[in-house]
């Protein structure tokens, strides 16, 4: 997992836009955002990956992402509890 995060961090540092493809979020950003969101629920942190954290924070502030995030978190909450036990 750390290798994957390191590759993603490097990619974000090389890319000039705010998001994965350009200056606007795309389906690729949305998909990766929710994959990473699931990782945070099992205790994986991005604190060592500044570019990932900044990108993640930008995505978390997109109003449409916030709407989907609420539905997503409600749906996966029972599964997240399994990892906290």
Protein backbone atom coordinates (compact mmCIF):
# COMPACT_ATOMS: atom_id res chain seq x y z
CA UNK A 1 0.00 0.00 0.00
CA UNK A 2 2.80 2.43 0.85
CA UNK A 3 4.35 1.94 -2.59
CA UNK A 4 1.04 2.78 -4.24
CA UNK A 5 0.68 5.91 -2.12
CA UNK A 6 4.24 6.94 -2.96
CA UNK A 7 3.57 6.56 -6.69
CA UNK A 8 0.36 8.57 -6.38
CA UNK A 9 2.19 11.25 -4.37
CA UNK A 10 4.87 11.49 -7.07
CA UNK A 11 2.23 11.71 -9.81
CA UNK A 12 0.41 14.54 -8.02
CA UNK A 13 3.68 16.43 -7.51
CA UNK A 14 4.49 16.20 -11.22
CA UNK A 15 1.02 17.21 -12.38
CA UNK A 16 0.35 20.94 -12.62
CA UNK A 17 -3.44 20.88 -12.22
CA UNK A 18 -5.49 20.77 -9.05
CA UNK A 19 -6.95 17.40 -9.92
CA UNK A 20 -5.76 14.21 -11.63
CA UNK A 21 -6.41 15.26 -15.21
CA UNK A 22 -6.91 19.03 -15.27
CA UNK A 23 -8.33 21.93 -13.27
CA UNK A 24 -11.69 20.23 -12.71
CA UNK A 25 -12.47 16.97 -10.91
CA UNK A 26 -13.23 14.02 -13.19
CA UNK A 27 -14.63 10.54 -12.65
CA UNK A 28 -11.03 9.41 -12.05
CA UNK A 29 -10.75 11.83 -9.11
CA UNK A 30 -14.09 10.69 -7.75
CA UNK A 31 -13.22 7.00 -7.97
CA UNK A 32 -9.83 7.43 -6.35
CA UNK A 33 -11.23 9.71 -3.66
CA UNK A 34 -13.65 7.05 -2.50
CA UNK A 35 -11.02 4.31 -2.68
CA UNK A 36 -8.80 6.40 -0.42
CA UNK A 37 -11.73 7.29 1.82
CA UNK A 38 -12.27 3.58 2.43
CA UNK A 39 -8.60 3.25 3.38
CA UNK A 40 -8.92 5.97 6.00
CA UNK A 41 -11.73 3.99 7.62
CA UNK A 42 -9.33 1.11 8.26
CA UNK A 43 -6.69 3.37 9.75
CA UNK A 44 -4.44 4.21 6.80
CA UNK A 45 -3.23 7.81 7.01
CA UNK A 46 -1.96 10.19 4.35
CA UNK A 47 -0.14 12.48 6.77
CA UNK A 48 3.26 11.61 5.25
CA UNK A 49 1.89 12.32 1.76
CA UNK A 50 1.35 16.08 1.58
CA UNK A 51 0.20 16.17 -2.06
CA UNK A 52 -2.31 13.35 -1.51
CA UNK A 53 -3.68 15.06 1.59
CA UNK A 54 -4.03 18.39 -0.26
CA UNK A 55 -5.77 16.71 -3.22
CA UNK A 56 -8.02 14.74 -0.85
CA UNK A 57 -8.97 17.93 1.02
CA UNK A 58 -9.82 19.69 -2.28
CA UNK A 59 -11.99 16.76 -3.33
CA UNK A 60 -13.71 16.66 0.06
CA UNK A 61 -14.78 20.28 -0.43
CA UNK A 62 -16.48 19.77 -3.80
CA UNK A 63 -20.22 20.08 -2.99
CA UNK A 64 -21.24 17.13 -5.18
CA UNK A 65 -18.54 14.97 -3.58
CA UNK A 66 -19.85 15.93 -0.14
CA UNK A 67 -23.33 14.74 -1.12
CA UNK A 68 -22.05 11.40 -2.39
CA UNK A 69 -19.67 11.07 0.56
CA UNK A 70 -22.55 11.19 3.05
CA UNK A 71 -24.40 8.40 1.25
CA UNK A 72 -21.17 6.41 0.92
CA UNK A 73 -20.22 6.76 4.59
CA UNK A 74 -23.71 5.75 5.71
CA UNK A 75 -23.54 2.68 3.48
CA UNK A 76 -20.11 1.50 4.62
CA UNK A 77 -20.42 2.40 8.32
CA UNK A 78 -21.37 -1.15 9.37
CA UNK A 79 -18.28 -2.52 7.60
CA UNK A 80 -16.02 0.12 9.14
CA UNK A 81 -17.12 -1.04 12.58
CA UNK A 82 -15.70 -4.49 11.84
CA UNK A 83 -12.20 -2.99 11.59
CA UNK A 84 -12.53 -1.06 14.85
CA UNK A 85 -13.24 -4.10 16.99
